Amino acid sequence: MSNRFVQRGGWWVVGQFLLLFAISILGITCRATSKSLPIFVCGLALLVASAICGLAGVTALGRNLTPFPKPSAKTELVQRGVYSKLY
């Protein structure tokens, strides 16, 4: 691994990827036994809302988007879109 990868927090990215992979595998193998329609609809609504927020964040960040906790020196602080002040 390069020193730059470690300095920017690359191991945190690897850890997050492994956790998401584990959650995905558990979601596939350990399906819930509840067949309740209201719970399914609520979960689906939360999934859609989170996808919309995620896409809005990606759009607002543009070229500043990075998986690393420490961004590169070329990026700027984004204060528009979902990252703008509401007050």
C-alpha atoms as a PDB file:
ATOM      1  CA  MET A   1       0.000   0.000   0.000  1.00  0.00           C
ATOM      2  CA  SER A   2       1.211   3.466  -0.754  1.00  0.00           C
ATOM      3  CA  ASN A   3       1.887   5.937   2.015  1.00  0.00           C
ATOM      4  CA  ARG A   4      -0.723   8.273   0.493  1.00  0.00           C
ATOM      5  CA  PHE A   5      -3.396   5.563   0.823  1.00  0.00           C
ATOM      6  CA  VAL A   6      -2.628   5.163   4.521  1.00  0.00           C
ATOM      7  CA  GLN A   7      -2.399   8.912   5.183  1.00  0.00           C
ATOM      8  CA  ARG A   8      -5.809   9.592   3.658  1.00  0.00           C
ATOM      9  CA  GLY A   9      -7.479   6.873   5.743  1.00  0.00           C
ATOM     10  CA  GLY A  10      -7.561   4.079   3.196  1.00  0.00           C
ATOM     11  CA  TRP A  11      -7.863   1.384   5.851  1.00  0.00           C
ATOM     12  CA  TRP A  12     -11.148   2.961   7.013  1.00  0.00           C
ATOM     13  CA  VAL A  13     -12.446   2.579   3.453  1.00  0.00           C
ATOM     14  CA  VAL A  14     -11.404  -1.088   3.410  1.00  0.00           C
ATOM     15  CA  GLY A  15     -13.112  -1.635   6.784  1.00  0.00           C
ATOM     16  CA  GLN A  16     -16.335   0.001   5.581  1.00  0.00           C
ATOM     17  CA  PHE A  17     -16.326  -2.143   2.447  1.00  0.00           C
ATOM     18  CA  LEU A  18     -15.910  -5.312   4.514  1.00  0.00           C
ATOM     19  CA  LEU A  19     -18.754  -4.312   6.859  1.00  0.00           C
ATOM     20  CA  LEU A  20     -21.084  -3.535   3.943  1.00  0.00           C
ATOM     21  CA  PHE A  21     -20.184  -6.863   2.366  1.00  0.00           C
ATOM     22  CA  ALA A  22     -20.954  -8.684   5.629  1.00  0.00           C
ATOM     23  CA  ILE A  23     -24.293  -6.868   5.979  1.00  0.00           C
ATOM     24  CA  SER A  24     -25.192  -7.780   2.388  1.00  0.00           C
ATOM     25  CA  ILE A  25     -24.378 -11.450   2.954  1.00  0.00           C
ATOM     26  CA  LEU A  26     -26.370 -11.506   6.200  1.00  0.00           C
ATOM     27  CA  GLY A  27     -29.302  -9.810   4.454  1.00  0.00           C
ATOM     28  CA  ILE A  28     -29.319 -12.486   1.768  1.00  0.00           C
ATOM     29  CA  THR A  29     -28.854 -15.487   4.046  1.00  0.00           C
ATOM     30  CA  CYS A  30     -30.928 -14.434   7.077  1.00  0.00           C
ATOM     31  CA  ARG A  31     -34.234 -13.323   5.679  1.00  0.00           C
ATOM     32  CA  ALA A  32     -36.858 -12.069   8.109  1.00  0.00           C
ATOM     33  CA  THR A  33     -39.739 -14.384   8.887  1.00  0.00           C
ATOM     34  CA  SER A  34     -42.254 -11.532   9.100  1.00  0.00           C
ATOM     35  CA  LYS A  35     -44.440 -11.114   6.033  1.00  0.00           C
ATOM     36  CA  SER A  36     -46.152  -7.948   7.283  1.00  0.00           C
ATOM     37  CA  LEU A  37     -47.118  -5.567   4.477  1.00  0.00           C
ATOM     38  CA  PRO A  38     -46.877  -2.372   6.607  1.00  0.00           C
ATOM     39  CA  ILE A  39     -43.330  -3.250   7.669  1.00  0.00           C
ATOM     40  CA  PHE A  40     -42.372  -3.954   4.058  1.00  0.00           C
ATOM     41  CA  VAL A  41     -43.872  -0.649   2.846  1.00  0.00           C
ATOM     42  CA  CYS A  42     -42.138   1.290   5.644  1.00  0.00           C
ATOM     43  CA  GLY A  43     -38.806  -0.336   4.819  1.00  0.00           C
ATOM     44  CA  LEU A  44     -39.267   0.373   1.120  1.00  0.00           C
ATOM     45  CA  ALA A  45     -40.109   4.036   1.842  1.00  0.00           C
ATOM     46  CA  LEU A  46     -36.982   4.393   3.975  1.00  0.00           C
ATOM     47  CA  LEU A  47     -34.901   2.765   1.236  1.00  0.00           C
ATOM     48  CA  VAL A  48     -36.234   5.182  -1.402  1.00  0.00           C
ATOM     49  CA  ALA A  49     -35.739   8.216   0.880  1.00  0.00           C
ATOM     50  CA  SER A  50     -32.149   7.217   1.641  1.00  0.00           C
ATOM     51  CA  ALA A  51     -31.419   6.640  -2.054  1.00  0.00           C
ATOM     52  CA  ILE A  52     -32.750  10.122  -2.889  1.00  0.00           C
ATOM     53  CA  CYS A  53     -30.600  11.690  -0.142  1.00  0.00           C
ATOM     54  CA  GLY A  54     -27.565   9.758  -1.343  1.00  0.00           C
ATOM     55  CA  LEU A  55     -28.028  10.843  -4.945  1.00  0.00           C
ATOM     56  CA  ALA A  56     -28.530  14.463  -3.852  1.00  0.00           C
ATOM     57  CA  GLY A  57     -25.272  14.267  -1.891  1.00  0.00           C
ATOM     58  CA  VAL A  58     -23.356  12.805  -4.813  1.00  0.00           C
ATOM     59  CA  THR A  59     -24.762  15.505  -7.105  1.00  0.00           C
ATOM     60  CA  ALA A  60     -23.833  18.317  -4.703  1.00  0.00           C
ATOM     61  CA  LEU A  61     -20.302  17.005  -4.141  1.00  0.00           C
ATOM     62  CA  GLY A  62     -19.523  16.497  -7.816  1.00  0.00           C
ATOM     63  CA  ARG A  63     -15.748  16.191  -8.312  1.00  0.00           C
ATOM     64  CA  ASN A  64     -15.173  16.646  -4.565  1.00  0.00           C
ATOM     65  CA  LEU A  65     -16.589  13.190  -3.836  1.00  0.00           C
ATOM     66  CA  THR A  66     -14.078  10.826  -2.260  1.00  0.00           C
ATOM     67  CA  PRO A  67     -14.384   7.670  -0.171  1.00  0.00           C
ATOM     68  CA  PHE A  68     -11.440   8.728   1.987  1.00  0.00           C
ATOM     69  CA  PRO A  69     -11.962  10.410   5.387  1.00  0.00           C
ATOM     70  CA  LYS A  70      -9.218  12.926   4.517  1.00  0.00           C
ATOM     71  CA  PRO A  71      -9.902  14.585   1.157  1.00  0.00           C
ATOM     72  CA  SER A  72      -7.130  15.586  -1.213  1.00  0.00           C
ATOM     73  CA  ALA A  73      -5.734  19.102  -1.226  1.00  0.00           C
ATOM     74  CA  LYS A  74      -7.483  19.855  -4.546  1.00  0.00           C
ATOM     75  CA  THR A  75     -11.014  19.643  -3.129  1.00  0.00           C
ATOM     76  CA  GLU A  76     -13.131  22.412  -1.641  1.00  0.00           C
ATOM     77  CA  LEU A  77     -15.715  22.533   1.142  1.00  0.00           C
ATOM     78  CA  VAL A  78     -19.179  22.040  -0.364  1.00  0.00           C
ATOM     79  CA  GLN A  79     -21.954  24.204   1.123  1.00  0.00           C
ATOM     80  CA  ARG A  80     -24.671  23.803  -1.484  1.00  0.00           C
ATOM     81  CA  GLY A  81     -27.466  21.309  -2.112  1.00  0.00           C
ATOM     82  CA  VAL A  82     -28.051  18.926   0.789  1.00  0.00           C
ATOM     83  CA  TYR A  83     -24.968  20.380   2.498  1.00  0.00           C
ATOM     84  CA  SER A  84     -26.329  23.937   2.660  1.00  0.00           C
ATOM     85  CA  LYS A  85     -27.419  25.649   5.863  1.00  0.00           C
ATOM     86  CA  LEU A  86     -31.141  25.520   6.539  1.00  0.00           C
ATOM     87  CA  TYR A  87     -31.238  28.389   9.003  1.00  0.00           C
END
